[in-house]
Amino acid sequence: AKLAHPGRPVIALVGDGVFQMNGMAEMITVKRYKDRLSKGPLIFC
């Protein structure tokens, strides 16, 4: 959603189980594309 709409605020509400399953690894994806994902809020709660 953030890649498609870089100017829109994007918020994900996720549990710790699913974050351990695959969300933590995708934070590395966020790191890779950080410059493109930094216009306005992108929050993983």
All heavy atoms as atom14 arrays in JSON, in Angstrom:
{
  "sequence": "AKLAHPGRPVIALVGDGVFQMNGMAEMITVKRYKDRLSKGPLIFC",
  "atom14_mask": [
    [1, 1, 1, 1, 1, 0, 0, 0, 0, 0, 0, 0, 0, 0],
    [1, 1, 1, 1, 1, 1, 1, 1, 1, 0, 0, 0, 0, 0],
    [1, 1, 1, 1, 1, 1, 1, 1, 0, 0, 0, 0, 0, 0],
    [1, 1, 1, 1, 1, 0, 0, 0, 0, 0, 0, 0, 0, 0],
    [1, 1, 1, 1, 1, 1, 1, 1, 1, 1, 0, 0, 0, 0],
    [1, 1, 1, 1, 1, 1, 1, 0, 0, 0, 0, 0, 0, 0],
    [1, 1, 1, 1, 0, 0, 0, 0, 0, 0, 0, 0, 0, 0],
    [1, 1, 1, 1, 1, 1, 1, 1, 1, 1, 1, 0, 0, 0],
    [1, 1, 1, 1, 1, 1, 1, 0, 0, 0, 0, 0, 0, 0],
    [1, 1, 1, 1, 1, 1, 1, 0, 0, 0, 0, 0, 0, 0],
    [1, 1, 1, 1, 1, 1, 1, 1, 0, 0, 0, 0, 0, 0],
    [1, 1, 1, 1, 1, 0, 0, 0, 0, 0, 0, 0, 0, 0],
    [1, 1, 1, 1, 1, 1, 1, 1, 0, 0, 0, 0, 0, 0],
    [1, 1, 1, 1, 1, 1, 1, 0, 0, 0, 0, 0, 0, 0],
    [1, 1, 1, 1, 0, 0, 0, 0, 0, 0, 0, 0, 0, 0],
    [1, 1, 1, 1, 1, 1, 1, 1, 0, 0, 0, 0, 0, 0],
    [1, 1, 1, 1, 0, 0, 0, 0, 0, 0, 0, 0, 0, 0],
    [1, 1, 1, 1, 1, 1, 1, 0, 0, 0, 0, 0, 0, 0],
    [1, 1, 1, 1, 1, 1, 1, 1, 1, 1, 1, 0, 0, 0],
    [1, 1, 1, 1, 1, 1, 1, 1, 1, 0, 0, 0, 0, 0],
    [1, 1, 1, 1, 1, 1, 1, 1, 0, 0, 0, 0, 0, 0],
    [1, 1, 1, 1, 1, 1, 1, 1, 0, 0, 0, 0, 0, 0],
    [1, 1, 1, 1, 0, 0, 0, 0, 0, 0, 0, 0, 0, 0],
    [1, 1, 1, 1, 1, 1, 1, 1, 0, 0, 0, 0, 0, 0],
    [1, 1, 1, 1, 1, 0, 0, 0, 0, 0, 0, 0, 0, 0],
    [1, 1, 1, 1, 1, 1, 1, 1, 1, 0, 0, 0, 0, 0],
    [1, 1, 1, 1, 1, 1, 1, 1, 0, 0, 0, 0, 0, 0],
    [1, 1, 1, 1, 1, 1, 1, 1, 0, 0, 0, 0, 0, 0],
    [1, 1, 1, 1, 1, 1, 1, 0, 0, 0, 0, 0, 0, 0],
    [1, 1, 1, 1, 1, 1, 1, 0, 0, 0, 0, 0, 0, 0],
    [1, 1, 1, 1, 1, 1, 1, 1, 1, 0, 0, 0, 0, 0],
    [1, 1, 1, 1, 1, 1, 1, 1, 1, 1, 1, 0, 0, 0],
    [1, 1, 1, 1, 1, 1, 1, 1, 1, 1, 1, 1, 0, 0],
    [1, 1, 1, 1, 1, 1, 1, 1, 1, 0, 0, 0, 0, 0],
    [1, 1, 1, 1, 1, 1, 1, 1, 0, 0, 0, 0, 0, 0],
    [1, 1, 1, 1, 1, 1, 1, 1, 1, 1, 1, 0, 0, 0],
    [1, 1, 1, 1, 1, 1, 1, 1, 0, 0, 0, 0, 0, 0],
    [1, 1, 1, 1, 1, 1, 0, 0, 0, 0, 0, 0, 0, 0],
    [1, 1, 1, 1, 1, 1, 1, 1, 1, 0, 0, 0, 0, 0],
    [1, 1, 1, 1, 0, 0, 0, 0, 0, 0, 0, 0, 0, 0],
    [1, 1, 1, 1, 1, 1, 1, 0, 0, 0, 0, 0, 0, 0],
    [1, 1, 1, 1, 1, 1, 1, 1, 0, 0, 0, 0, 0, 0],
    [1, 1, 1, 1, 1, 1, 1, 1, 0, 0, 0, 0, 0, 0],
    [1, 1, 1, 1, 1, 1, 1, 1, 1, 1, 1, 0, 0, 0],
    [1, 1, 1, 1, 1, 1, 0, 0, 0, 0, 0, 0, 0, 0]
  ],
  "atom14_positions": [
    [[0.82, -1.21, 0.0], [0.0, 0.0, 0.0], [0.86, 1.26, 0.0], [0.56, 2.24, -0.7], [-0.93, 0.0, 1.22], [0.0, 0.0, 0.0], [0.0, 0.0, 0.0], [0.0, 0.0, 0.0], [0.0, 0.0, 0.0], [0.0, 0.0, 0.0], [0.0, 0.0, 0.0], [0.0, 0.0, 0.0], [0.0, 0.0, 0.0], [0.0, 0.0, 0.0]],
    [[1.94, 1.24, 0.78], [2.81, 2.41, 0.85], [3.57, 2.63, -0.46], [3.78, 3.78, -0.88], [3.79, 2.26, 2.02], [4.52, 3.55, 2.39], [3.57, 4.61, 2.9], [4.3, 5.85, 3.39], [3.37, 6.91, 3.83], [0.0, 0.0, 0.0], [0.0, 0.0, 0.0], [0.0, 0.0, 0.0], [0.0, 0.0, 0.0], [0.0, 0.0, 0.0]],
    [[3.99, 1.55, -1.11], [4.66, 1.68, -2.4], [3.7, 2.25, -3.44], [4.08, 3.06, -4.29], [5.19, 0.33, -2.86], [6.42, -0.2, -2.12], [6.66, -1.66, -2.46], [7.66, 0.64, -2.44], [0.0, 0.0, 0.0], [0.0, 0.0, 0.0], [0.0, 0.0, 0.0], [0.0, 0.0, 0.0], [0.0, 0.0, 0.0], [0.0, 0.0, 0.0]],
    [[2.44, 1.82, -3.39], [1.44, 2.3, -4.36], [0.98, 3.71, -4.06], [0.68, 4.48, -4.98], [0.25, 1.35, -4.36], [0.0, 0.0, 0.0], [0.0, 0.0, 0.0], [0.0, 0.0, 0.0], [0.0, 0.0, 0.0], [0.0, 0.0, 0.0], [0.0, 0.0, 0.0], [0.0, 0.0, 0.0], [0.0, 0.0, 0.0], [0.0, 0.0, 0.0]],
    [[0.93, 4.06, -2.77], [0.43, 5.39, -2.35], [1.43, 5.99, -1.37], [1.17, 6.07, -0.16], [-0.93, 5.24, -1.67], [-1.97, 4.56, -2.5], [-2.51, 5.12, -3.64], [-2.56, 3.33, -2.36], [-3.41, 4.28, -4.15], [-3.44, 3.2, -3.4], [0.0, 0.0, 0.0], [0.0, 0.0, 0.0], [0.0, 0.0, 0.0], [0.0, 0.0, 0.0]],
    [[2.59, 6.43, -1.86], [3.65, 6.88, -0.94], [3.25, 8.05, -0.05], [3.8, 8.21, 1.04], [4.79, 7.27, -1.88], [4.17, 7.4, -3.23], [3.01, 6.47, -3.27], [0.0, 0.0, 0.0], [0.0, 0.0, 0.0], [0.0, 0.0, 0.0], [0.0, 0.0, 0.0], [0.0, 0.0, 0.0], [0.0, 0.0, 0.0], [0.0, 0.0, 0.0]],
    [[2.28, 8.85, -0.46], [1.9, 10.0, 0.34], [0.83, 9.71, 1.38], [0.55, 10.56, 2.22], [0.0, 0.0, 0.0], [0.0, 0.0, 0.0], [0.0, 0.0, 0.0], [0.0, 0.0, 0.0], [0.0, 0.0, 0.0], [0.0, 0.0, 0.0], [0.0, 0.0, 0.0], [0.0, 0.0, 0.0], [0.0, 0.0, 0.0], [0.0, 0.0, 0.0]],
    [[0.24, 8.52, 1.34], [-0.83, 8.21, 2.29], [-0.27, 7.59, 3.56], [0.68, 6.79, 3.51], [-1.84, 7.24, 1.66], [-2.63, 7.84, 0.52], [-3.65, 6.87, -0.06], [-4.75, 6.59, 0.86], [-5.84, 5.92, 0.52], [-5.97, 5.45, -0.71], [-6.81, 5.71, 1.4], [0.0, 0.0, 0.0], [0.0, 0.0, 0.0], [0.0, 0.0, 0.0]],
    [[-0.84, 7.9, 4.72], [-0.44, 7.23, 5.96], [-0.88, 5.76, 5.91], [-2.02, 5.46, 5.53], [-1.2, 7.99, 7.05], [-1.7, 9.25, 6.39], [-1.86, 8.94, 4.95], [0.0, 0.0, 0.0], [0.0, 0.0, 0.0], [0.0, 0.0, 0.0], [0.0, 0.0, 0.0], [0.0, 0.0, 0.0], [0.0, 0.0, 0.0], [0.0, 0.0, 0.0]],
    [[0.02, 4.86, 6.29], [-0.28, 3.43, 6.27], [0.06, 2.85, 7.65], [1.16, 3.07, 8.16], [0.51, 2.69, 5.18], [0.22, 1.2, 5.23], [0.16, 3.25, 3.79], [0.0, 0.0, 0.0], [0.0, 0.0, 0.0], [0.0, 0.0, 0.0], [0.0, 0.0, 0.0], [0.0, 0.0, 0.0], [0.0, 0.0, 0.0], [0.0, 0.0, 0.0]],
    [[-0.89, 2.11, 8.21], [-0.71, 1.56, 9.56], [-1.13, 0.1, 9.54], [-2.24, -0.24, 9.11], [-1.56, 2.34, 10.59], [-1.18, 3.83, 10.58], [-1.38, 1.75, 11.99], [-2.19, 4.72, 11.27], [0.0, 0.0, 0.0], [0.0, 0.0, 0.0], [0.0, 0.0, 0.0], [0.0, 0.0, 0.0], [0.0, 0.0, 0.0], [0.0, 0.0, 0.0]],
    [[-0.25, -0.77, 10.02], [-0.55, -2.19, 10.14], [-0.68, -2.54, 11.61], [0.2, -2.23, 12.41], [0.55, -3.03, 9.48], [0.0, 0.0, 0.0], [0.0, 0.0, 0.0], [0.0, 0.0, 0.0], [0.0, 0.0, 0.0], [0.0, 0.0, 0.0], [0.0, 0.0, 0.0], [0.0, 0.0, 0.0], [0.0, 0.0, 0.0], [0.0, 0.0, 0.0]],
    [[-1.77, -3.2, 11.97], [-1.98, -3.69, 13.33], [-1.83, -5.2, 13.31], [-2.67, -5.91, 12.73], [-3.38, -3.3, 13.83], [-3.73, -1.81, 13.81], [-5.17, -1.6, 14.26], [-2.77, -1.02, 14.7], [0.0, 0.0, 0.0], [0.0, 0.0, 0.0], [0.0, 0.0, 0.0], [0.0, 0.0, 0.0], [0.0, 0.0, 0.0], [0.0, 0.0, 0.0]],
    [[-0.74, -5.71, 13.91], [-0.45, -7.14, 13.81], [-0.09, -7.71, 15.18], [0.45, -7.02, 16.04], [0.69, -7.41, 12.81], [0.31, -6.95, 11.41], [1.99, -6.75, 13.24], [0.0, 0.0, 0.0], [0.0, 0.0, 0.0], [0.0, 0.0, 0.0], [0.0, 0.0, 0.0], [0.0, 0.0, 0.0], [0.0, 0.0, 0.0], [0.0, 0.0, 0.0]],
    [[-0.36, -8.99, 15.35], [0.01, -9.67, 16.59], [1.46, -10.11, 16.57], [2.11, -10.16, 15.52], [0.0, 0.0, 0.0], [0.0, 0.0, 0.0], [0.0, 0.0, 0.0], [0.0, 0.0, 0.0], [0.0, 0.0, 0.0], [0.0, 0.0, 0.0], [0.0, 0.0, 0.0], [0.0, 0.0, 0.0], [0.0, 0.0, 0.0], [0.0, 0.0, 0.0]],
    [[1.97, -10.44, 17.75], [3.37, -10.87, 17.82], [3.59, -12.22, 17.16], [4.67, -12.49, 16.62], [3.88, -10.87, 19.27], [2.98, -11.62, 20.25], [1.91, -12.12, 19.83], [3.34, -11.69, 21.44], [0.0, 0.0, 0.0], [0.0, 0.0, 0.0], [0.0, 0.0, 0.0], [0.0, 0.0, 0.0], [0.0, 0.0, 0.0], [0.0, 0.0, 0.0]],
    [[2.57, -13.09, 17.15], [2.72, -14.39, 16.5], [2.98, -14.24, 15.01], [3.92, -14.83, 14.47], [0.0, 0.0, 0.0], [0.0, 0.0, 0.0], [0.0, 0.0, 0.0], [0.0, 0.0, 0.0], [0.0, 0.0, 0.0], [0.0, 0.0, 0.0], [0.0, 0.0, 0.0], [0.0, 0.0, 0.0], [0.0, 0.0, 0.0], [0.0, 0.0, 0.0]],
    [[2.16, -13.45, 14.35], [2.34, -13.27, 12.91], [3.58, -12.44, 12.6], [4.24, -12.65, 11.58], [1.07, -12.65, 12.28], [0.97, -11.17, 12.59], [1.06, -12.85, 10.78], [0.0, 0.0, 0.0], [0.0, 0.0, 0.0], [0.0, 0.0, 0.0], [0.0, 0.0, 0.0], [0.0, 0.0, 0.0], [0.0, 0.0, 0.0], [0.0, 0.0, 0.0]],
    [[3.94, -11.54, 13.5], [5.14, -10.74, 13.26], [6.38, -11.62, 13.35], [7.33, -11.45, 12.58], [5.22, -9.59, 14.27], [6.07, -8.43, 13.8], [5.72, -7.72, 12.67], [7.21, -8.06, 14.49], [6.49, -6.64, 12.23], [8.0, -7.0, 14.06], [7.63, -6.29, 12.93], [0.0, 0.0, 0.0], [0.0, 0.0, 0.0], [0.0, 0.0, 0.0]],
    [[6.37, -12.59, 14.28], [7.47, -13.54, 14.33], [7.46, -14.47, 13.11], [8.52, -14.86, 12.61], [7.4, -14.38, 15.61], [7.74, -13.61, 16.87], [7.77, -14.5, 18.11], [7.83, -15.73, 18.0], [7.71, -13.89, 19.28], [0.0, 0.0, 0.0], [0.0, 0.0, 0.0], [0.0, 0.0, 0.0], [0.0, 0.0, 0.0], [0.0, 0.0, 0.0]],
    [[6.28, -14.82, 12.63], [6.19, -15.74, 11.51], [6.82, -15.15, 10.25], [7.58, -15.83, 9.55], [4.71, -16.08, 11.23], [4.51, -17.03, 10.06], [2.78, -17.45, 9.78], [2.49, -18.64, 11.08], [0.0, 0.0, 0.0], [0.0, 0.0, 0.0], [0.0, 0.0, 0.0], [0.0, 0.0, 0.0], [0.0, 0.0, 0.0], [0.0, 0.0, 0.0]],
    [[6.52, -13.9, 9.94], [7.1, -13.31, 8.72], [7.28, -11.8, 8.74], [7.99, -11.27, 7.9], [6.26, -13.7, 7.49], [4.79, -13.34, 7.64], [4.45, -12.3, 8.17], [3.91, -14.21, 7.17], [0.0, 0.0, 0.0], [0.0, 0.0, 0.0], [0.0, 0.0, 0.0], [0.0, 0.0, 0.0], [0.0, 0.0, 0.0], [0.0, 0.0, 0.0]],
    [[6.66, -11.14, 9.7], [6.73, -9.68, 9.71], [8.12, -9.14, 10.01], [8.55, -8.13, 9.43], [0.0, 0.0, 0.0], [0.0, 0.0, 0.0], [0.0, 0.0, 0.0], [0.0, 0.0, 0.0], [0.0, 0.0, 0.0], [0.0, 0.0, 0.0], [0.0, 0.0, 0.0], [0.0, 0.0, 0.0], [0.0, 0.0, 0.0], [0.0, 0.0, 0.0]],
    [[8.83, -9.81, 10.9], [10.17, -9.32, 11.26], [11.1, -9.38, 10.05], [11.89, -8.46, 9.81], [10.73, -10.13, 12.42], [9.98, -9.94, 13.72], [10.64, -10.9, 15.1], [12.15, -9.99, 15.43], [0.0, 0.0, 0.0], [0.0, 0.0, 0.0], [0.0, 0.0, 0.0], [0.0, 0.0, 0.0], [0.0, 0.0, 0.0], [0.0, 0.0, 0.0]],
    [[11.0, -10.45, 9.27], [11.84, -10.55, 8.08], [11.51, -9.43, 7.09], [12.4, -8.88, 6.44], [11.65, -11.91, 7.42], [0.0, 0.0, 0.0], [0.0, 0.0, 0.0], [0.0, 0.0, 0.0], [0.0, 0.0, 0.0], [0.0, 0.0, 0.0], [0.0, 0.0, 0.0], [0.0, 0.0, 0.0], [0.0, 0.0, 0.0], [0.0, 0.0, 0.0]],
    [[10.21, -9.08, 6.99], [9.84, -8.03, 6.04], [10.27, -6.64, 6.49], [10.24, -5.7, 5.7], [8.34, -8.08, 5.76], [7.92, -9.26, 4.9], [8.79, -9.42, 3.66], [8.93, -8.45, 2.89], [9.34, -10.52, 3.45], [0.0, 0.0, 0.0], [0.0, 0.0, 0.0], [0.0, 0.0, 0.0], [0.0, 0.0, 0.0], [0.0, 0.0, 0.0]],
    [[10.68, -6.51, 7.74], [11.28, -5.23, 8.14], [12.6, -5.01, 7.4], [13.03, -3.87, 7.19], [11.52, -5.2, 9.65], [10.25, -5.15, 10.5], [9.14, -3.75, 10.11], [7.94, -4.56, 9.03], [0.0, 0.0, 0.0], [0.0, 0.0, 0.0], [0.0, 0.0, 0.0], [0.0, 0.0, 0.0], [0.0, 0.0, 0.0], [0.0, 0.0, 0.0]],
    [[13.24, -6.11, 6.97], [14.44, -5.98, 6.14], [14.07, -5.43, 4.77], [14.79, -4.62, 4.18], [15.16, -7.33, 6.03], [15.54, -7.84, 7.42], [16.4, -7.23, 5.15], [16.08, -9.26, 7.44], [0.0, 0.0, 0.0], [0.0, 0.0, 0.0], [0.0, 0.0, 0.0], [0.0, 0.0, 0.0], [0.0, 0.0, 0.0], [0.0, 0.0, 0.0]],
    [[12.9, -5.84, 4.25], [12.39, -5.25, 3.0], [12.13, -3.76, 3.19], [12.45, -2.94, 2.32], [11.1, -5.97, 2.57], [11.36, -7.37, 2.44], [10.59, -5.42, 1.25], [0.0, 0.0, 0.0], [0.0, 0.0, 0.0], [0.0, 0.0, 0.0], [0.0, 0.0, 0.0], [0.0, 0.0, 0.0], [0.0, 0.0, 0.0], [0.0, 0.0, 0.0]],
    [[11.56, -3.41, 4.34], [11.31, -2.0, 4.64], [12.64, -1.23, 4.68], [12.74, -0.12, 4.16], [10.55, -1.85, 5.98], [10.45, -0.39, 6.39], [9.16, -2.46, 5.86], [0.0, 0.0, 0.0], [0.0, 0.0, 0.0], [0.0, 0.0, 0.0], [0.0, 0.0, 0.0], [0.0, 0.0, 0.0], [0.0, 0.0, 0.0], [0.0, 0.0, 0.0]],
    [[13.66, -1.84, 5.28], [14.98, -1.21, 5.32], [15.5, -0.98, 3.91], [16.03, 0.09, 3.58], [15.95, -2.1, 6.11], [17.41, -1.65, 6.06], [18.31, -2.65, 6.78], [19.79, -2.33, 6.61], [20.16, -1.07, 7.28], [0.0, 0.0, 0.0], [0.0, 0.0, 0.0], [0.0, 0.0, 0.0], [0.0, 0.0, 0.0], [0.0, 0.0, 0.0]],
    [[15.34, -1.99, 3.04], [15.86, -1.87, 1.68], [15.21, -0.72, 0.92], [15.87, 0.0, 0.17], [15.64, -3.18, 0.92], [16.0, -3.06, -0.54], [16.0, -4.36, -1.28], [16.39, -4.12, -2.67], [16.79, -5.06, -3.51], [16.86, -6.3, -3.09], [17.12, -4.75, -4.75], [0.0, 0.0, 0.0], [0.0, 0.0, 0.0], [0.0, 0.0, 0.0]],
    [[13.9, -0.56, 1.09], [13.16, 0.47, 0.34], [12.8, 1.66, 1.22], [11.83, 2.37, 0.94], [11.91, -0.14, -0.27], [12.2, -1.27, -1.24], [11.99, -2.6, -0.87], [12.72, -1.02, -2.5], [12.27, -3.65, -1.74], [13.0, -2.05, -3.39], [12.78, -3.37, -3.0], [13.07, -4.39, -3.87], [0.0, 0.0, 0.0], [0.0, 0.0, 0.0]],
    [[13.58, 1.86, 2.26], [13.25, 2.87, 3.27], [13.04, 4.25, 2.66], [12.1, 4.97, 3.03], [14.34, 2.93, 4.33], [14.07, 3.93, 5.45], [15.2, 3.94, 6.47], [14.96, 4.99, 7.55], [16.08, 5.03, 8.53], [0.0, 0.0, 0.0], [0.0, 0.0, 0.0], [0.0, 0.0, 0.0], [0.0, 0.0, 0.0], [0.0, 0.0, 0.0]],
    [[13.9, 4.66, 1.73], [13.76, 6.0, 1.15], [12.41, 6.19, 0.47], [11.86, 7.29, 0.5], [14.89, 6.24, 0.14], [16.25, 6.38, 0.81], [16.29, 6.55, 2.03], [17.27, 6.3, 0.09], [0.0, 0.0, 0.0], [0.0, 0.0, 0.0], [0.0, 0.0, 0.0], [0.0, 0.0, 0.0], [0.0, 0.0, 0.0], [0.0, 0.0, 0.0]],
    [[11.89, 5.13, -0.11], [10.6, 5.23, -0.81], [9.42, 5.08, 0.14], [8.28, 5.33, -0.27], [10.53, 4.15, -1.89], [11.6, 4.31, -2.96], [11.53, 3.21, -3.98], [10.19, 3.1, -4.55], [9.83, 2.12, -5.38], [10.7, 1.19, -5.7], [8.62, 2.09, -5.87], [0.0, 0.0, 0.0], [0.0, 0.0, 0.0], [0.0, 0.0, 0.0]],
    [[9.69, 4.65, 1.35], [8.61, 4.38, 2.3], [8.56, 5.41, 3.43], [7.92, 5.18, 4.45], [8.8, 2.98, 2.91], [8.81, 1.81, 1.92], [9.18, 0.51, 2.62], [7.44, 1.66, 1.24], [0.0, 0.0, 0.0], [0.0, 0.0, 0.0], [0.0, 0.0, 0.0], [0.0, 0.0, 0.0], [0.0, 0.0, 0.0], [0.0, 0.0, 0.0]],
    [[9.21, 6.52, 3.23], [9.37, 7.48, 4.33], [8.62, 8.79, 4.14], [8.84, 9.75, 4.87], [10.86, 7.79, 4.54], [11.55, 6.63, 4.98], [0.0, 0.0, 0.0], [0.0, 0.0, 0.0], [0.0, 0.0, 0.0], [0.0, 0.0, 0.0], [0.0, 0.0, 0.0], [0.0, 0.0, 0.0], [0.0, 0.0, 0.0], [0.0, 0.0, 0.0]],
    [[7.73, 8.84, 3.16], [6.92, 10.05, 2.97], [5.62, 9.88, 3.75], [4.67, 9.27, 3.28], [6.64, 10.28, 1.48], [5.87, 11.57, 1.21], [5.62, 11.75, -0.28], [4.82, 13.03, -0.54], [4.49, 13.19, -1.98], [0.0, 0.0, 0.0], [0.0, 0.0, 0.0], [0.0, 0.0, 0.0], [0.0, 0.0, 0.0], [0.0, 0.0, 0.0]],
    [[5.58, 10.43, 4.94], [4.41, 10.25, 5.79], [4.48, 8.95, 6.56], [5.36, 8.12, 6.35], [0.0, 0.0, 0.0], [0.0, 0.0, 0.0], [0.0, 0.0, 0.0], [0.0, 0.0, 0.0], [0.0, 0.0, 0.0], [0.0, 0.0, 0.0], [0.0, 0.0, 0.0], [0.0, 0.0, 0.0], [0.0, 0.0, 0.0], [0.0, 0.0, 0.0]],
    [[3.53, 8.75, 7.48], [3.61, 7.61, 8.4], [3.53, 6.25, 7.72], [2.73, 6.03, 6.81], [2.39, 7.82, 9.31], [2.05, 9.28, 9.2], [2.42, 9.66, 7.81], [0.0, 0.0, 0.0], [0.0, 0.0, 0.0], [0.0, 0.0, 0.0], [0.0, 0.0, 0.0], [0.0, 0.0, 0.0], [0.0, 0.0, 0.0], [0.0, 0.0, 0.0]],
    [[4.4, 5.34, 8.16], [4.3, 3.91, 7.89], [4.6, 3.23, 9.21], [5.75, 3.21, 9.67], [5.28, 3.46, 6.81], [5.35, 1.93, 6.6], [4.0, 1.36, 6.21], [6.41, 1.57, 5.56], [0.0, 0.0, 0.0], [0.0, 0.0, 0.0], [0.0, 0.0, 0.0], [0.0, 0.0, 0.0], [0.0, 0.0, 0.0], [0.0, 0.0, 0.0]],
    [[3.55, 2.7, 9.85], [3.67, 2.19, 11.22], [3.25, 0.72, 11.27], [2.18, 0.35, 10.77], [2.79, 3.01, 12.19], [3.16, 4.5, 12.12], [2.93, 2.49, 13.61], [2.18, 5.4, 12.83], [0.0, 0.0, 0.0], [0.0, 0.0, 0.0], [0.0, 0.0, 0.0], [0.0, 0.0, 0.0], [0.0, 0.0, 0.0], [0.0, 0.0, 0.0]],
    [[4.1, -0.09, 11.88], [3.78, -1.48, 12.16], [3.6, -1.61, 13.67], [4.57, -1.62, 14.42], [4.89, -2.4, 11.66], [5.17, -2.25, 10.18], [6.12, -1.33, 9.73], [4.47, -2.99, 9.25], [6.37, -1.18, 8.38], [4.71, -2.84, 7.89], [5.67, -1.93, 7.46], [0.0, 0.0, 0.0], [0.0, 0.0, 0.0], [0.0, 0.0, 0.0]],
    [[2.35, -1.67, 14.1], [2.04, -1.76, 15.53], [1.94, -3.24, 15.91], [1.04, -3.94, 15.45], [0.74, -1.02, 15.85], [0.32, -1.05, 17.59], [0.0, 0.0, 0.0], [0.0, 0.0, 0.0], [0.0, 0.0, 0.0], [0.0, 0.0, 0.0], [0.0, 0.0, 0.0], [0.0, 0.0, 0.0], [0.0, 0.0, 0.0], [0.0, 0.0, 0.0]]
  ]
}
